[in-house]
Amino acid sequence: MQKKRKMEYTILETKIEFKDNKIQRITVLVDCTGNHSKPFSDVRAIYATTKPRGGYMNIPLSAKISERLLQEVAAAGMETVNRDDIFPNWKKKYEAVA
């Protein structure tokens, strides 16, 4: 039996905040655009913190930065409406690529 591969998210940028040299919050800018849509037409900022929140992931206090951790934030973090404040000028940066 073949193992199912987990969905991998297209992470464009990441902002990581620390307190006392420990990760406190990770916010990822994710392109959630499907294969049949214009690139970067569904870009979201998704975050996780060390504080538990019902239904969303929280970052373990012993967490180390890794691609897997960033993918977990993208998959199970909470969407924020402050995308443009957290990642200013992201549209201009990725319009040039599209």
C-alpha atoms as a PDB file:
ATOM      1  CA  MET A   1       0.000   0.000   0.000  1.00  0.00           C
ATOM      2  CA  GLN A   2       1.367   3.394  -0.990  1.00  0.00           C
ATOM      3  CA  LYS A   3       1.606   6.155   1.616  1.00  0.00           C
ATOM      4  CA  LYS A   4      -0.498   9.232   0.899  1.00  0.00           C
ATOM      5  CA  ARG A   5       1.610  12.294   0.393  1.00  0.00           C
ATOM      6  CA  LYS A   6       0.536  15.296   2.438  1.00  0.00           C
ATOM      7  CA  MET A   7      -0.346  18.443   0.567  1.00  0.00           C
ATOM      8  CA  GLU A   8       2.586  20.806   0.346  1.00  0.00           C
ATOM      9  CA  TYR A   9       1.824  24.503   0.496  1.00  0.00           C
ATOM     10  CA  THR A  10       3.570  27.109  -1.619  1.00  0.00           C
ATOM     11  CA  ILE A  11       5.136  29.304   1.039  1.00  0.00           C
ATOM     12  CA  LEU A  12       6.292  32.614  -0.387  1.00  0.00           C
ATOM     13  CA  GLU A  13       7.639  34.323   2.735  1.00  0.00           C
ATOM     14  CA  THR A  14       7.891  33.758   6.467  1.00  0.00           C
ATOM     15  CA  LYS A  15       8.055  36.036   9.487  1.00  0.00           C
ATOM     16  CA  ILE A  16       9.285  34.457  12.725  1.00  0.00           C
ATOM     17  CA  GLU A  17       9.078  36.244  16.081  1.00  0.00           C
ATOM     18  CA  PHE A  18      11.164  35.263  19.116  1.00  0.00           C
ATOM     19  CA  LYS A  19      11.123  35.962  22.845  1.00  0.00           C
ATOM     20  CA  ASP A  20      14.071  34.904  25.018  1.00  0.00           C
ATOM     21  CA  ASN A  21      15.530  33.052  22.007  1.00  0.00           C
ATOM     22  CA  LYS A  22      12.404  30.889  21.650  1.00  0.00           C
ATOM     23  CA  ILE A  23       9.909  30.966  18.799  1.00  0.00           C
ATOM     24  CA  GLN A  24       6.731  32.799  19.820  1.00  0.00           C
ATOM     25  CA  ARG A  25       4.911  33.283  16.519  1.00  0.00           C
ATOM     26  CA  ILE A  26       5.357  32.175  12.921  1.00  0.00           C
ATOM     27  CA  THR A  27       3.456  33.793  10.084  1.00  0.00           C
ATOM     28  CA  VAL A  28       3.672  32.372   6.561  1.00  0.00           C
ATOM     29  CA  LEU A  29       2.568  34.015   3.333  1.00  0.00           C
ATOM     30  CA  VAL A  30       1.008  31.194   1.334  1.00  0.00           C
ATOM     31  CA  ASP A  31      -0.123  31.013  -2.285  1.00  0.00           C
ATOM     32  CA  CYS A  32      -3.314  28.941  -2.079  1.00  0.00           C
ATOM     33  CA  THR A  33      -4.113  29.406  -5.762  1.00  0.00           C
ATOM     34  CA  GLY A  34      -5.188  26.220  -7.509  1.00  0.00           C
ATOM     35  CA  ASN A  35      -3.514  24.867 -10.639  1.00  0.00           C
ATOM     36  CA  HIS A  36      -6.223  26.244 -12.926  1.00  0.00           C
ATOM     37  CA  SER A  37      -6.182  29.827 -11.663  1.00  0.00           C
ATOM     38  CA  LYS A  38      -3.982  32.847 -12.198  1.00  0.00           C
ATOM     39  CA  PRO A  39      -0.883  32.585  -9.962  1.00  0.00           C
ATOM     40  CA  PHE A  40      -1.016  34.618  -6.746  1.00  0.00           C
ATOM     41  CA  SER A  41      -4.785  35.196  -6.992  1.00  0.00           C
ATOM     42  CA  ASP A  42      -5.378  33.571  -3.562  1.00  0.00           C
ATOM     43  CA  VAL A  43      -2.551  34.569  -1.232  1.00  0.00           C
ATOM     44  CA  ARG A  44      -3.089  34.292   2.524  1.00  0.00           C
ATOM     45  CA  ALA A  45      -1.151  35.050   5.706  1.00  0.00           C
ATOM     46  CA  ILE A  46      -1.482  32.198   8.187  1.00  0.00           C
ATOM     47  CA  TYR A  47       0.036  32.128  11.658  1.00  0.00           C
ATOM     48  CA  ALA A  48       0.559  30.041  14.756  1.00  0.00           C
ATOM     49  CA  THR A  49       1.749  30.951  18.250  1.00  0.00           C
ATOM     50  CA  THR A  50       2.826  29.092  21.349  1.00  0.00           C
ATOM     51  CA  LYS A  51      -0.559  29.847  22.932  1.00  0.00           C
ATOM     52  CA  PRO A  52      -3.064  27.010  22.368  1.00  0.00           C
ATOM     53  CA  ARG A  53      -6.186  27.974  20.377  1.00  0.00           C
ATOM     54  CA  GLY A  54      -9.060  25.596  19.826  1.00  0.00           C
ATOM     55  CA  GLY A  55      -9.035  24.117  16.330  1.00  0.00           C
ATOM     56  CA  TYR A  56      -5.642  25.572  15.338  1.00  0.00           C
ATOM     57  CA  MET A  57      -2.082  24.398  15.759  1.00  0.00           C
ATOM     58  CA  ASN A  58       0.171  25.826  18.415  1.00  0.00           C
ATOM     59  CA  ILE A  59       3.944  25.883  18.319  1.00  0.00           C
ATOM     60  CA  PRO A  60       5.594  23.639  20.920  1.00  0.00           C
ATOM     61  CA  LEU A  61       7.971  25.576  23.200  1.00  0.00           C
ATOM     62  CA  SER A  62      10.842  23.333  22.100  1.00  0.00           C
ATOM     63  CA  ALA A  63      10.159  23.833  18.354  1.00  0.00           C
ATOM     64  CA  LYS A  64      13.032  24.285  15.934  1.00  0.00           C
ATOM     65  CA  ILE A  65      12.641  26.082  12.629  1.00  0.00           C
ATOM     66  CA  SER A  66      12.218  23.617   9.784  1.00  0.00           C
ATOM     67  CA  GLU A  67      10.389  23.288   6.488  1.00  0.00           C
ATOM     68  CA  ARG A  68       8.064  20.780   8.152  1.00  0.00           C
ATOM     69  CA  LEU A  69       7.143  23.278  10.897  1.00  0.00           C
ATOM     70  CA  LEU A  70       6.399  25.972   8.297  1.00  0.00           C
ATOM     71  CA  GLN A  71       4.221  23.513   6.353  1.00  0.00           C
ATOM     72  CA  GLU A  72       2.336  22.680   9.567  1.00  0.00           C
ATOM     73  CA  VAL A  73       1.675  26.379  10.170  1.00  0.00           C
ATOM     74  CA  ALA A  74       0.392  26.749   6.594  1.00  0.00           C
ATOM     75  CA  ALA A  75      -1.862  23.714   7.003  1.00  0.00           C
ATOM     76  CA  ALA A  76      -3.273  24.228  10.487  1.00  0.00           C
ATOM     77  CA  GLY A  77      -2.591  27.811  11.519  1.00  0.00           C
ATOM     78  CA  MET A  78      -5.061  30.671  11.763  1.00  0.00           C
ATOM     79  CA  GLU A  79      -5.557  33.087   8.873  1.00  0.00           C
ATOM     80  CA  THR A  80      -4.948  36.751   9.678  1.00  0.00           C
ATOM     81  CA  VAL A  81      -6.513  39.754   7.978  1.00  0.00           C
ATOM     82  CA  ASN A  82      -3.299  41.781   8.468  1.00  0.00           C
ATOM     83  CA  ARG A  83      -1.541  40.161   5.502  1.00  0.00           C
ATOM     84  CA  ASP A  84      -0.573  43.455   3.854  1.00  0.00           C
ATOM     85  CA  ASP A  85       0.763  44.914   7.127  1.00  0.00           C
ATOM     86  CA  ILE A  86       2.846  41.839   7.935  1.00  0.00           C
ATOM     87  CA  PHE A  87       4.164  41.393   4.386  1.00  0.00           C
ATOM     88  CA  PRO A  88       4.180  44.888   2.846  1.00  0.00           C
ATOM     89  CA  ASN A  89       4.662  45.142  -0.926  1.00  0.00           C
ATOM     90  CA  TRP A  90       4.199  41.409  -1.468  1.00  0.00           C
ATOM     91  CA  LYS A  91       1.873  42.080  -4.418  1.00  0.00           C
ATOM     92  CA  LYS A  92       4.475  44.099  -6.314  1.00  0.00           C
ATOM     93  CA  LYS A  93       7.150  41.505  -5.642  1.00  0.00           C
ATOM     94  CA  TYR A  94       5.119  38.571  -6.985  1.00  0.00           C
ATOM     95  CA  GLU A  95       3.304  40.390  -9.809  1.00  0.00           C
ATOM     96  CA  ALA A  96       6.680  40.642 -11.527  1.00  0.00           C
ATOM     97  CA  VAL A  97       7.045  36.853 -11.316  1.00  0.00           C
ATOM     98  CA  ALA A  98       3.521  35.970 -12.508  1.00  0.00           C
END
